[in-house]
């Protein structure tokens, strides 16, 4: 009887296990105006706490922005992981946040959209993931 109780307990525990939802990964690229690069770096060296709170509230984690220079031009690459259930709704919530709007009024003029983003009225160009190793 003890053997069957043990097996039943194992089966019940196995049935209760859940696999964590894998985050959705997003990445974008844009240009960085050379005359605004230092200001952009200063802003991100001391990001506003309310902006960071909103990013987390919108289910974003592991958010990073990287800078590189190619042929004398500066570019920014942004990466994040989204753990929520409705990315578009969370992005609308973020866009409606007054402090985030003020932040973007500081950062947007520093950026120089790539042609494919500018054609859509956007600053950051979407990228396509071509490889992932978990």
N, C-alpha and C. Protein backbone atom coordinates (compact mmCIF):
# COMPACT_ATOMS: atom_id res chain seq x y z
N UNK A 1 0.82 -1.19 0.00
CA UNK A 1 0.00 0.00 0.00
C UNK A 1 0.87 1.26 0.00
N UNK A 2 1.96 1.21 0.80
CA UNK A 2 2.85 2.37 0.86
C UNK A 2 3.44 2.66 -0.52
N UNK A 3 3.75 1.59 -1.25
CA UNK A 3 4.34 1.75 -2.58
C UNK A 3 3.36 2.48 -3.51
N UNK A 4 2.09 2.12 -3.46
CA UNK A 4 1.09 2.74 -4.33
C UNK A 4 0.83 4.19 -3.92
N UNK A 5 0.85 4.47 -2.63
CA UNK A 5 0.68 5.84 -2.15
C UNK A 5 1.82 6.72 -2.64
N UNK A 6 3.04 6.16 -2.60
CA UNK A 6 4.21 6.90 -3.06
C UNK A 6 4.10 7.19 -4.55
N UNK A 7 3.72 6.19 -5.33
CA UNK A 7 3.57 6.37 -6.78
C UNK A 7 2.48 7.40 -7.07
N UNK A 8 1.37 7.32 -6.36
CA UNK A 8 0.28 8.28 -6.55
C UNK A 8 0.75 9.70 -6.23
N UNK A 9 1.52 9.85 -5.15
CA UNK A 9 2.04 11.17 -4.78
C UNK A 9 2.96 11.72 -5.87
N UNK A 10 3.81 10.87 -6.43
CA UNK A 10 4.72 11.29 -7.51
C UNK A 10 3.91 11.74 -8.72
N UNK A 11 2.90 10.96 -9.09
CA UNK A 11 2.07 11.31 -10.25
C UNK A 11 1.34 12.63 -10.04
N UNK A 12 0.82 12.83 -8.84
CA UNK A 12 0.13 14.08 -8.54
C UNK A 12 1.07 15.27 -8.62
N UNK A 13 2.26 15.13 -8.06
CA UNK A 13 3.24 16.21 -8.12
C UNK A 13 3.66 16.49 -9.55
N UNK A 14 3.84 15.46 -10.33
CA UNK A 14 4.23 15.65 -11.73
C UNK A 14 3.13 16.37 -12.49
N UNK A 15 1.89 16.04 -12.18
CA UNK A 15 0.77 16.70 -12.85
C UNK A 15 0.61 18.15 -12.46
N UNK A 16 1.09 18.52 -11.30
CA UNK A 16 0.98 19.89 -10.83
C UNK A 16 2.11 20.78 -11.32
N UNK A 17 3.14 20.18 -11.84
CA UNK A 17 4.26 21.01 -12.28
C UNK A 17 3.85 21.84 -13.49
N UNK A 18 4.36 23.04 -13.54
CA UNK A 18 4.07 23.93 -14.67
C UNK A 18 5.38 24.39 -15.27
N UNK A 19 5.34 24.59 -16.54
CA UNK A 19 6.53 25.14 -17.18
C UNK A 19 6.36 26.64 -17.27
N UNK A 20 7.41 27.34 -16.96
CA UNK A 20 7.36 28.80 -17.01
C UNK A 20 7.19 29.26 -18.45
N UNK A 21 6.35 30.26 -18.62
CA UNK A 21 6.14 30.83 -19.95
C UNK A 21 7.45 31.49 -20.40
N UNK A 22 7.85 31.17 -21.58
CA UNK A 22 9.06 31.77 -22.13
C UNK A 22 8.77 33.21 -22.54
N UNK A 23 9.65 34.14 -22.24
CA UNK A 23 9.41 35.53 -22.64
C UNK A 23 9.51 35.68 -24.15
N UNK A 24 8.81 36.68 -24.64
CA UNK A 24 8.94 37.06 -26.05
C UNK A 24 10.11 38.03 -26.14
N UNK A 25 10.96 37.85 -27.13
CA UNK A 25 12.13 38.70 -27.29
C UNK A 25 11.89 39.70 -28.41
N UNK A 26 12.26 40.95 -28.15
CA UNK A 26 12.12 42.02 -29.14
C UNK A 26 13.44 42.77 -29.24
N UNK A 27 13.73 43.25 -30.44
CA UNK A 27 14.94 44.06 -30.64
C UNK A 27 14.68 45.08 -31.75
N UNK A 28 15.29 46.24 -31.60
CA UNK A 28 15.12 47.33 -32.57
C UNK A 28 16.46 48.02 -32.78
N UNK A 29 16.54 48.80 -33.84
CA UNK A 29 17.75 49.57 -34.12
C UNK A 29 17.33 50.96 -34.60
N UNK A 30 18.14 51.95 -34.26
CA UNK A 30 17.94 53.32 -34.73
C UNK A 30 19.30 54.01 -34.77
N UNK A 31 19.32 55.17 -35.37
CA UNK A 31 20.54 55.97 -35.38
C UNK A 31 20.61 56.85 -34.15
N UNK A 32 21.81 57.30 -33.83
CA UNK A 32 22.04 58.23 -32.73
C UNK A 32 22.76 59.44 -33.30
N UNK A 33 22.15 60.61 -33.11
CA UNK A 33 22.76 61.84 -33.64
C UNK A 33 24.04 62.14 -32.87
N UNK A 34 25.16 62.33 -33.57
CA UNK A 34 26.44 62.55 -32.89
C UNK A 34 26.42 63.74 -31.94
N UNK A 35 25.74 64.81 -32.34
CA UNK A 35 25.71 66.00 -31.51
C UNK A 35 24.84 65.82 -30.26
N UNK A 36 24.04 64.76 -30.21
CA UNK A 36 23.18 64.48 -29.06
C UNK A 36 23.63 63.24 -28.29
N UNK A 37 24.69 62.60 -28.75
CA UNK A 37 25.10 61.32 -28.17
C UNK A 37 25.47 61.44 -26.69
N UNK A 38 26.22 62.46 -26.32
CA UNK A 38 26.61 62.61 -24.91
C UNK A 38 25.38 62.81 -24.03
N UNK A 39 24.44 63.63 -24.48
CA UNK A 39 23.23 63.86 -23.70
C UNK A 39 22.43 62.55 -23.55
N UNK A 40 22.32 61.79 -24.62
CA UNK A 40 21.61 60.52 -24.59
C UNK A 40 22.26 59.56 -23.58
N UNK A 41 23.57 59.51 -23.59
CA UNK A 41 24.29 58.65 -22.64
C UNK A 41 24.06 59.11 -21.20
N UNK A 42 24.08 60.44 -20.99
CA UNK A 42 23.85 60.98 -19.65
C UNK A 42 22.45 60.62 -19.15
N UNK A 43 21.45 60.76 -20.02
CA UNK A 43 20.09 60.40 -19.63
C UNK A 43 20.03 58.94 -19.16
N UNK A 44 20.65 58.07 -19.93
CA UNK A 44 20.55 56.65 -19.61
C UNK A 44 21.49 56.22 -18.48
N UNK A 45 22.45 57.04 -18.15
CA UNK A 45 23.30 56.75 -16.99
C UNK A 45 22.51 56.97 -15.70
N UNK A 46 21.49 57.82 -15.77
CA UNK A 46 20.63 58.12 -14.61
C UNK A 46 19.18 58.15 -15.05
N UNK A 47 18.61 57.01 -15.43
CA UNK A 47 17.23 57.00 -15.92
C UNK A 47 16.26 57.40 -14.81
N UNK A 48 15.17 58.00 -15.21
CA UNK A 48 14.17 58.44 -14.25
C UNK A 48 13.51 57.22 -13.60
N UNK A 49 13.40 57.21 -12.28
CA UNK A 49 12.82 56.04 -11.59
C UNK A 49 11.40 55.70 -12.06
N UNK A 50 10.60 56.71 -12.35
CA UNK A 50 9.24 56.45 -12.81
C UNK A 50 9.20 55.75 -14.16
N UNK A 51 10.15 56.07 -15.00
CA UNK A 51 10.23 55.41 -16.31
C UNK A 51 10.61 53.94 -16.11
N UNK A 52 11.58 53.69 -15.26
CA UNK A 52 11.97 52.30 -14.97
C UNK A 52 10.81 51.51 -14.36
N UNK A 53 10.05 52.16 -13.46
CA UNK A 53 8.90 51.48 -12.86
C UNK A 53 7.87 51.12 -13.93
N UNK A 54 7.61 52.05 -14.86
CA UNK A 54 6.63 51.78 -15.90
C UNK A 54 7.10 50.65 -16.81
N UNK A 55 8.37 50.62 -17.13
CA UNK A 55 8.91 49.53 -17.96
C UNK A 55 8.62 48.19 -17.28
N UNK A 56 8.90 48.10 -16.00
CA UNK A 56 8.67 46.85 -15.27
C UNK A 56 7.17 46.56 -15.15
N UNK A 57 6.38 47.59 -14.93
CA UNK A 57 4.92 47.42 -14.81
C UNK A 57 4.33 46.88 -16.11
N UNK A 58 4.98 47.16 -17.22
CA UNK A 58 4.51 46.69 -18.53
C UNK A 58 5.14 45.35 -18.91
N UNK A 59 5.61 44.61 -17.91
CA UNK A 59 6.09 43.23 -18.08
C UNK A 59 7.34 43.12 -18.93
N UNK A 60 8.21 44.10 -18.83
CA UNK A 60 9.47 44.09 -19.57
C UNK A 60 10.60 43.80 -18.60
N UNK A 61 11.50 42.92 -19.03
CA UNK A 61 12.68 42.61 -18.23
C UNK A 61 13.87 42.49 -19.18
N UNK A 62 15.05 42.49 -18.59
CA UNK A 62 16.29 42.37 -19.37
C UNK A 62 16.33 43.36 -20.52
N UNK A 63 15.94 44.58 -20.24
CA UNK A 63 15.93 45.64 -21.26
C UNK A 63 17.31 46.27 -21.30
N UNK A 64 17.87 46.36 -22.49
CA UNK A 64 19.17 47.00 -22.63
C UNK A 64 19.23 47.75 -23.95
N UNK A 65 20.06 48.79 -23.96
CA UNK A 65 20.33 49.55 -25.18
C UNK A 65 21.84 49.56 -25.36
N UNK A 66 22.27 49.22 -26.55
CA UNK A 66 23.69 49.17 -26.88
C UNK A 66 23.98 50.19 -27.97
N UNK A 67 25.18 50.71 -27.96
CA UNK A 67 25.61 51.70 -28.96
C UNK A 67 26.77 51.13 -29.76
N UNK A 68 26.78 51.41 -31.05
CA UNK A 68 27.94 51.04 -31.86
C UNK A 68 28.14 52.08 -32.96
N UNK A 69 29.37 52.14 -33.44
CA UNK A 69 29.71 53.05 -34.53
C UNK A 69 30.06 52.21 -35.76
N UNK A 70 29.45 52.55 -36.88
CA UNK A 70 29.72 51.87 -38.15
C UNK A 70 29.96 52.94 -39.20
N UNK A 71 31.12 52.90 -39.82
CA UNK A 71 31.48 53.88 -40.86
C UNK A 71 31.24 55.32 -40.41
N UNK A 72 31.60 55.61 -39.16
CA UNK A 72 31.49 56.96 -38.64
C UNK A 72 30.10 57.37 -38.19
N UNK A 73 29.12 56.48 -38.29
CA UNK A 73 27.75 56.77 -37.85
C UNK A 73 27.45 55.97 -36.59
N UNK A 74 26.69 56.60 -35.68
CA UNK A 74 26.33 55.96 -34.42
C UNK A 74 24.96 55.29 -34.55
N UNK A 75 24.86 54.10 -33.95
CA UNK A 75 23.61 53.35 -33.96
C UNK A 75 23.31 52.85 -32.55
N UNK A 76 22.03 52.69 -32.28
CA UNK A 76 21.56 52.12 -31.02
C UNK A 76 20.83 50.82 -31.33
N UNK A 77 21.07 49.83 -30.50
CA UNK A 77 20.39 48.54 -30.60
C UNK A 77 19.71 48.30 -29.27
N UNK A 78 18.39 48.10 -29.28
CA UNK A 78 17.64 47.86 -28.04
C UNK A 78 17.11 46.44 -28.03
N UNK A 79 17.17 45.82 -26.86
CA UNK A 79 16.70 44.45 -26.68
C UNK A 79 15.89 44.38 -25.40
N UNK A 80 14.80 43.61 -25.42
CA UNK A 80 14.02 43.38 -24.21
C UNK A 80 13.34 42.03 -24.28
N UNK A 81 12.92 41.59 -23.11
CA UNK A 81 12.12 40.38 -23.00
C UNK A 81 10.78 40.77 -22.39
N UNK A 82 9.71 40.32 -23.02
CA UNK A 82 8.36 40.64 -22.59
C UNK A 82 7.72 39.40 -21.98
N UNK A 83 7.20 39.55 -20.76
CA UNK A 83 6.64 38.41 -20.04
C UNK A 83 5.13 38.51 -19.85
N UNK A 84 4.51 39.53 -20.39
CA UNK A 84 3.07 39.70 -20.24
C UNK A 84 2.28 38.90 -21.26
N UNK A 85 0.98 39.23 -21.35
CA UNK A 85 0.08 38.52 -22.26
C UNK A 85 -0.39 39.35 -23.43
N UNK A 86 -0.21 40.67 -23.37
CA UNK A 86 -0.70 41.54 -24.45
C UNK A 86 0.30 42.68 -24.66
N UNK A 87 1.28 42.43 -25.52
CA UNK A 87 2.36 43.39 -25.75
C UNK A 87 1.81 44.73 -26.22
N UNK A 88 0.90 44.71 -27.19
CA UNK A 88 0.37 45.97 -27.73
C UNK A 88 -0.34 46.78 -26.66
N UNK A 89 -1.13 46.13 -25.82
CA UNK A 89 -1.83 46.85 -24.74
C UNK A 89 -0.84 47.43 -23.74
N UNK A 90 0.18 46.68 -23.40
CA UNK A 90 1.18 47.19 -22.46
C UNK A 90 1.97 48.35 -23.06
N UNK A 91 2.24 48.30 -24.35
CA UNK A 91 2.96 49.41 -25.00
C UNK A 91 2.07 50.66 -25.06
N UNK A 92 0.77 50.48 -25.24
CA UNK A 92 -0.16 51.62 -25.21
C UNK A 92 -0.21 52.22 -23.81
N UNK A 93 -0.20 51.35 -22.80
CA UNK A 93 -0.20 51.82 -21.41
C UNK A 93 1.06 52.64 -21.14
N UNK A 94 2.19 52.15 -21.62
CA UNK A 94 3.44 52.88 -21.43
C UNK A 94 3.40 54.22 -22.16
N UNK A 95 2.90 54.21 -23.38
CA UNK A 95 2.85 55.44 -24.18
C UNK A 95 1.92 56.48 -23.57
N UNK A 96 0.95 56.05 -22.79
CA UNK A 96 0.01 56.98 -22.15
C UNK A 96 0.54 57.55 -20.83
N UNK A 97 1.61 56.99 -20.33
CA UNK A 97 2.17 57.43 -19.05
C UNK A 97 2.84 58.80 -19.20
N UNK A 98 2.42 59.81 -18.42
CA UNK A 98 2.98 61.16 -18.58
C UNK A 98 4.49 61.24 -18.37
N UNK A 99 5.04 60.50 -17.41
CA UNK A 99 6.49 60.58 -17.19
C UNK A 99 7.25 59.94 -18.35
N UNK A 100 6.73 58.85 -18.88
CA UNK A 100 7.35 58.22 -20.05
C UNK A 100 7.29 59.16 -21.25
N UNK A 101 6.18 59.86 -21.41
CA UNK A 101 6.06 60.83 -22.50
C UNK A 101 7.12 61.93 -22.37
N UNK A 102 7.33 62.41 -21.14
CA UNK A 102 8.36 63.44 -20.92
C UNK A 102 9.75 62.88 -21.22
N UNK A 103 9.99 61.63 -20.84
CA UNK A 103 11.27 60.97 -21.11
C UNK A 103 11.51 60.90 -22.61
N UNK A 104 10.50 60.47 -23.35
CA UNK A 104 10.64 60.35 -24.80
C UNK A 104 10.86 61.71 -25.46
N UNK A 105 10.33 62.77 -24.85
CA UNK A 105 10.59 64.12 -25.40
C UNK A 105 12.06 64.50 -25.25
N UNK A 106 12.73 63.88 -24.30
CA UNK A 106 14.17 64.09 -24.13
C UNK A 106 14.98 63.17 -25.05
N UNK A 107 14.56 61.91 -25.16
CA UNK A 107 15.37 60.94 -25.90
C UNK A 107 15.11 60.95 -27.41
N UNK A 108 13.87 61.15 -27.82
CA UNK A 108 13.54 61.08 -29.25
C UNK A 108 14.38 62.02 -30.12
N UNK A 109 14.59 63.29 -29.71
CA UNK A 109 15.39 64.18 -30.56
C UNK A 109 16.86 63.75 -30.70
N UNK A 110 17.30 62.84 -29.86
CA UNK A 110 18.68 62.33 -29.94
C UNK A 110 18.83 61.25 -31.00
N UNK A 111 17.72 60.70 -31.41
CA UNK A 111 17.74 59.54 -32.29
C UNK A 111 17.48 59.94 -33.73
N UNK A 112 18.03 59.16 -34.64
CA UNK A 112 17.90 59.40 -36.07
C UNK A 112 17.34 58.13 -36.71
N UNK A 113 16.04 58.12 -37.03
CA UNK A 113 15.42 56.89 -37.54
C UNK A 113 16.06 56.39 -38.83
N UNK A 114 16.14 55.09 -38.96
CA UNK A 114 16.56 54.48 -40.21
C UNK A 114 15.42 54.65 -41.22
N UNK A 115 15.73 54.63 -42.51
CA UNK A 115 14.69 54.89 -43.52
C UNK A 115 13.44 54.01 -43.38
N UNK A 116 13.61 52.72 -43.10
CA UNK A 116 12.44 51.85 -43.00
C UNK A 116 11.55 52.20 -41.81
N UNK A 117 12.13 52.73 -40.75
CA UNK A 117 11.33 53.17 -39.61
C UNK A 117 10.68 54.51 -39.91
N UNK A 118 11.44 55.43 -40.48
CA UNK A 118 10.92 56.76 -40.80
C UNK A 118 9.73 56.66 -41.75
N UNK A 119 9.77 55.72 -42.68
CA UNK A 119 8.67 55.54 -43.64
C UNK A 119 7.37 55.15 -42.94
N UNK A 120 7.49 54.56 -41.74
CA UNK A 120 6.31 54.16 -40.96
C UNK A 120 6.00 55.16 -39.86
N UNK A 121 6.74 56.28 -39.82
CA UNK A 121 6.54 57.27 -38.77
C UNK A 121 7.07 56.81 -37.42
N UNK A 122 8.02 55.92 -37.43
CA UNK A 122 8.59 55.38 -36.20
C UNK A 122 10.05 55.80 -36.07
N UNK A 123 10.57 55.71 -34.87
CA UNK A 123 11.98 56.02 -34.63
C UNK A 123 12.82 54.75 -34.67
N UNK A 124 12.35 53.71 -34.06
CA UNK A 124 13.09 52.45 -33.97
C UNK A 124 12.62 51.49 -35.06
N UNK A 125 13.56 50.91 -35.79
CA UNK A 125 13.26 49.92 -36.82
C UNK A 125 13.18 48.53 -36.19
N UNK A 126 12.15 47.80 -36.55
CA UNK A 126 12.01 46.43 -36.08
C UNK A 126 13.14 45.56 -36.63
N UNK A 127 13.48 44.53 -35.89
CA UNK A 127 14.45 43.55 -36.36
C UNK A 127 13.79 42.18 -36.33
N UNK A 128 14.40 41.23 -36.97
CA UNK A 128 13.88 39.87 -37.00
C UNK A 128 14.93 38.96 -36.37
N UNK A 129 14.49 38.18 -35.42
CA UNK A 129 15.40 37.23 -34.78
C UNK A 129 15.76 36.13 -35.78
N UNK A 130 17.04 35.87 -35.92
CA UNK A 130 17.48 34.81 -36.82
C UNK A 130 18.13 33.64 -36.07
N UNK A 131 18.40 33.83 -34.79
CA UNK A 131 19.00 32.75 -34.01
C UNK A 131 18.77 33.01 -32.54
N UNK A 132 18.52 31.93 -31.81
CA UNK A 132 18.36 32.02 -30.36
C UNK A 132 18.85 30.72 -29.74
N UNK A 133 19.67 30.82 -28.73
CA UNK A 133 20.15 29.66 -27.98
C UNK A 133 19.76 29.86 -26.53
N UNK A 134 18.76 29.13 -26.05
CA UNK A 134 18.36 29.31 -24.64
C UNK A 134 19.39 28.75 -23.67
